[in-house]
Protein backbone atom coordinates (compact mmCIF):
# COMPACT_ATOMS: atom_id res chain seq x y z
CA MET A 1 90.02 100.11 91.22
CA GLU A 2 92.42 97.09 90.31
CA ARG A 3 95.08 99.75 90.81
CA ALA A 4 93.79 101.23 94.31
CA LEU A 5 95.01 99.55 97.29
CA LEU A 6 94.96 99.83 101.11
CA ALA A 7 98.12 99.37 103.29
CA MET A 8 97.86 98.64 106.82
CA GLY A 9 100.08 97.00 110.01
CA LYS A 10 103.09 98.36 111.83
CA ASP A 11 105.51 98.82 108.79
CA ARG A 12 102.35 98.79 106.36
CA GLU A 13 103.56 95.18 105.59
CA SER A 14 100.13 94.25 104.72
CA VAL A 15 98.69 95.37 101.23
CA PHE A 16 95.36 94.95 99.43
CA HIS A 17 93.35 95.70 96.45
CA LEU A 18 90.55 97.76 97.42
CA LEU A 19 86.94 96.03 96.72
CA ASP A 20 84.13 99.17 97.18
CA ILE A 21 84.93 102.94 99.12
CA CYS A 22 82.35 105.42 99.71
CA ARG A 23 82.34 108.44 102.31
CA GLY A 24 81.73 105.74 105.08
CA GLY A 25 84.00 102.68 104.81
CA ILE A 26 86.01 100.48 102.95
CA SER A 27 85.83 96.99 102.04
CA PHE A 28 88.82 94.80 100.33
CA ARG A 29 89.70 91.49 99.94
CA TYR A 30 91.93 88.92 100.81
CA ILE A 31 92.88 84.95 100.87
CA GLY A 32 92.97 83.40 104.36
CA ASN A 33 90.89 82.46 106.86
CA LYS A 34 90.14 85.37 108.81
CA CYS A 35 91.22 89.36 108.75
CA ARG A 36 93.63 90.37 111.46
CA THR A 37 92.66 93.73 111.95
CA ALA A 38 92.78 93.26 115.42
CA GLY A 39 94.98 96.35 117.26
CA VAL A 40 94.55 98.29 113.63
CA ASP A 41 93.05 101.66 113.87
CA ARG A 42 94.60 103.56 111.02
CA VAL A 43 95.42 102.33 107.10
CA ASP A 44 96.89 103.95 104.26
CA LEU A 45 95.36 104.21 100.62
CA TYR A 46 97.73 104.05 97.56
CA HIS A 47 96.61 105.05 93.66
CA HIS A 48 99.00 102.68 91.64
CA GLU A 49 102.52 103.12 93.86
CA ASP A 50 101.69 106.43 95.24
CA LEU A 51 100.25 107.33 98.93
CA TRP A 52 97.30 109.37 98.56
CA LEU A 53 95.83 109.36 102.24
CA GLY A 54 97.95 108.09 105.10
CA GLY A 55 96.69 107.44 108.54
CA VAL A 56 92.98 106.92 108.04
CA PRO A 57 91.19 106.26 110.84
CA VAL A 58 89.08 103.08 110.89
CA LYS A 59 86.86 100.40 112.37
CA SER A 60 86.81 96.61 111.44
CA VAL A 61 82.65 95.70 110.83
CA GLU A 62 82.64 93.02 108.33
CA ASP A 63 84.85 89.95 107.58
CA LEU A 64 83.14 87.87 104.94
CA PRO A 65 83.63 85.18 102.69
CA LEU A 66 83.25 85.58 98.89
CA SER A 67 83.84 81.97 97.50
CA ASN A 68 83.43 78.43 98.20
CA GLY A 69 86.28 77.23 96.31
CA THR A 70 89.70 76.02 96.20
CA ILE A 71 91.21 79.40 97.61
CA SER A 72 89.70 81.09 100.15
CA TYR A 73 88.80 84.58 99.44
CA ARG A 74 87.38 86.75 101.72
CA ARG A 75 85.59 90.52 101.90
CA CYS A 76 86.92 92.61 104.81
CA GLY A 77 84.67 95.71 105.51
CA LEU A 78 86.36 98.56 107.56
CA ARG A 79 84.28 101.54 108.30
CA PHE A 80 85.95 105.30 108.33
CA ALA A 81 85.95 106.89 112.22
CA GLU A 82 85.67 110.17 112.27
CA LEU A 83 87.66 112.44 109.57
CA THR A 84 89.20 115.65 109.50
CA ASN A 85 87.93 118.33 106.49
CA GLU A 86 90.97 117.98 104.78
CA GLN A 87 90.93 113.79 105.56
CA ILE A 88 87.57 114.33 103.56
CA GLU A 89 88.32 116.46 100.84
CA ARG A 90 91.17 114.04 100.19
CA LEU A 91 88.82 110.66 100.32
CA GLU A 92 86.83 111.89 97.76
CA SER A 93 89.67 113.34 95.57
CA PHE A 94 91.20 109.64 95.80
CA MET A 95 87.30 108.07 94.82
CA GLY A 96 87.35 110.13 92.18
CA LYS A 97 90.51 109.11 90.91
CA ILE A 98 90.05 105.99 91.10
CA VAL A 99 86.50 105.71 89.38
CA VAL A 100 88.23 107.00 86.17
CA ASP A 101 91.34 104.50 86.16
């Protein structure tokens, strides 16, 4: 999944590596003390550098530490809000694509 990315923020300035994905939601890792998901209600999903699915509606559901080492890695979980049929099809295609890689 190292080539699967999530982008969020006003100008999609925050980009993260995905950890897990399913029809219900997605999680990613980041370095820092707290995930800045306040006000974020949509994300974009990329495979390599290609936008695969844009404007996916989400809600933040978790923010947990991954390690206790020198670098503070954390895991942020987002739940997908109501998706259209087209978004569901693209999401399933995206999941199939990143599992193969």
